[in-house]
Amino acid sequence: MTIDEVRKLSELARLRFTEEELEAFTKDFSSIVDYIGRIGSIDLDGVEPLTSVSGAVNRVRPDVEGECLPSDQALQNAPSNNEAFFKVPRVLG
């Protein structure tokens, strides 16, 4: 990676670095990108992907339809509600 590429990345991430920091990050990023390139060149033919390193298996229960909880009971412990709905703080403007 070049200093200009690191400078562009820092602008996109809205980070500010001194010239010395840019040089240091350029070396660090270059070594990281090189390492990732080395990992990408490993021959993985015939290697099965892992889903867990421990060999543990998820035991899930069947999804069985059951009786619904009445609205008044569901809202009983809500910090704030509007008779039929949970009230939550406004998220967008």
Protein backbone atom coordinates (compact mmCIF):
# COMPACT_ATOMS: atom_id res chain seq x y z
CA MET A 1 0.00 0.00 0.00
CA THR A 2 1.11 3.52 -0.65
CA ILE A 3 0.89 6.52 1.64
CA ASP A 4 -1.72 8.00 -0.70
CA GLU A 5 -3.91 4.88 -0.32
CA VAL A 6 -3.61 5.02 3.47
CA ARG A 7 -4.37 8.74 3.39
CA LYS A 8 -7.52 8.03 1.31
CA LEU A 9 -8.59 5.27 3.73
CA SER A 10 -8.07 7.59 6.68
CA GLU A 11 -10.20 10.25 4.99
CA LEU A 12 -12.98 7.72 4.38
CA ALA A 13 -12.77 6.63 8.04
CA ARG A 14 -12.55 10.27 9.13
CA LEU A 15 -9.27 9.70 10.92
CA ARG A 16 -6.44 12.19 11.13
CA PHE A 17 -2.81 11.12 11.21
CA THR A 18 0.49 12.92 11.25
CA GLU A 19 2.95 12.20 8.43
CA GLU A 20 4.95 9.93 10.77
CA GLU A 21 1.81 8.00 11.67
CA LEU A 22 0.89 7.69 7.98
CA GLU A 23 4.31 6.19 7.22
CA ALA A 24 4.00 3.74 10.12
CA PHE A 25 0.46 2.74 9.13
CA THR A 26 1.53 2.32 5.52
CA LYS A 27 4.17 -0.22 6.59
CA ASP A 28 1.69 -1.99 8.89
CA PHE A 29 -1.08 -2.10 6.28
CA SER A 30 1.32 -3.32 3.61
CA SER A 31 2.44 -6.22 5.79
CA ILE A 32 -1.19 -7.08 6.61
CA VAL A 33 -2.20 -7.05 2.93
CA ASP A 34 0.84 -9.17 2.05
CA TYR A 35 -0.05 -11.68 4.76
CA ILE A 36 -3.65 -11.90 3.57
CA GLY A 37 -2.32 -12.53 0.05
CA ARG A 38 -0.20 -15.39 1.38
CA ILE A 39 -3.23 -16.90 3.14
CA GLY A 40 -5.27 -16.59 -0.06
CA SER A 41 -2.68 -18.58 -2.00
CA ILE A 42 -2.90 -21.67 0.24
CA ASP A 43 -4.16 -24.77 -1.60
CA LEU A 44 -7.35 -25.89 0.15
CA ASP A 45 -8.50 -28.56 -2.31
CA GLY A 46 -10.08 -31.42 -0.41
CA VAL A 47 -10.24 -29.50 2.88
CA GLU A 48 -13.74 -29.39 4.34
CA PRO A 49 -14.80 -26.07 5.87
CA LEU A 50 -15.19 -26.01 9.65
CA THR A 51 -18.42 -25.04 11.32
CA SER A 52 -16.94 -25.38 14.80
CA VAL A 53 -13.40 -25.88 16.06
CA SER A 54 -14.62 -27.74 19.13
CA GLY A 55 -16.79 -30.28 17.34
CA ALA A 56 -19.81 -29.16 19.36
CA VAL A 57 -23.17 -29.72 17.75
CA ASN A 58 -26.13 -27.39 18.13
CA ARG A 59 -29.09 -29.15 19.56
CA VAL A 60 -32.16 -27.22 18.57
CA ARG A 61 -35.69 -27.95 19.60
CA PRO A 62 -38.39 -28.25 16.97
CA ASP A 63 -40.32 -25.08 16.23
CA VAL A 64 -43.75 -25.98 17.53
CA GLU A 65 -46.70 -23.63 17.34
CA GLY A 66 -48.19 -22.94 20.75
CA GLU A 67 -50.70 -20.75 22.48
CA CYS A 68 -50.06 -17.01 22.20
CA LEU A 69 -49.54 -14.84 25.24
CA PRO A 70 -52.43 -12.37 25.68
CA SER A 71 -51.49 -8.74 24.91
CA ASP A 72 -52.29 -7.47 28.41
CA GLN A 73 -50.06 -10.13 29.94
CA ALA A 74 -47.23 -9.43 27.46
CA LEU A 75 -47.37 -5.69 28.21
CA GLN A 76 -47.62 -6.20 31.97
CA ASN A 77 -43.86 -5.77 32.62
CA ALA A 78 -43.17 -3.29 29.82
CA PRO A 79 -41.63 -0.05 31.09
CA SER A 80 -43.92 1.89 28.75
CA ASN A 81 -46.84 0.81 26.60
CA ASN A 82 -49.76 2.18 24.65
CA GLU A 83 -52.49 -0.30 25.61
CA ALA A 84 -51.69 -2.64 22.71
CA PHE A 85 -48.06 -1.84 21.85
CA PHE A 86 -44.66 -1.51 23.48
CA LYS A 87 -43.50 2.12 23.51
CA VAL A 88 -39.83 2.61 22.73
CA PRO A 89 -37.67 5.73 22.41
CA ARG A 90 -37.70 7.40 19.01
CA VAL A 91 -34.79 6.22 16.86
CA LEU A 92 -34.92 8.45 13.79
CA GLY A 93 -35.20 12.25 13.79
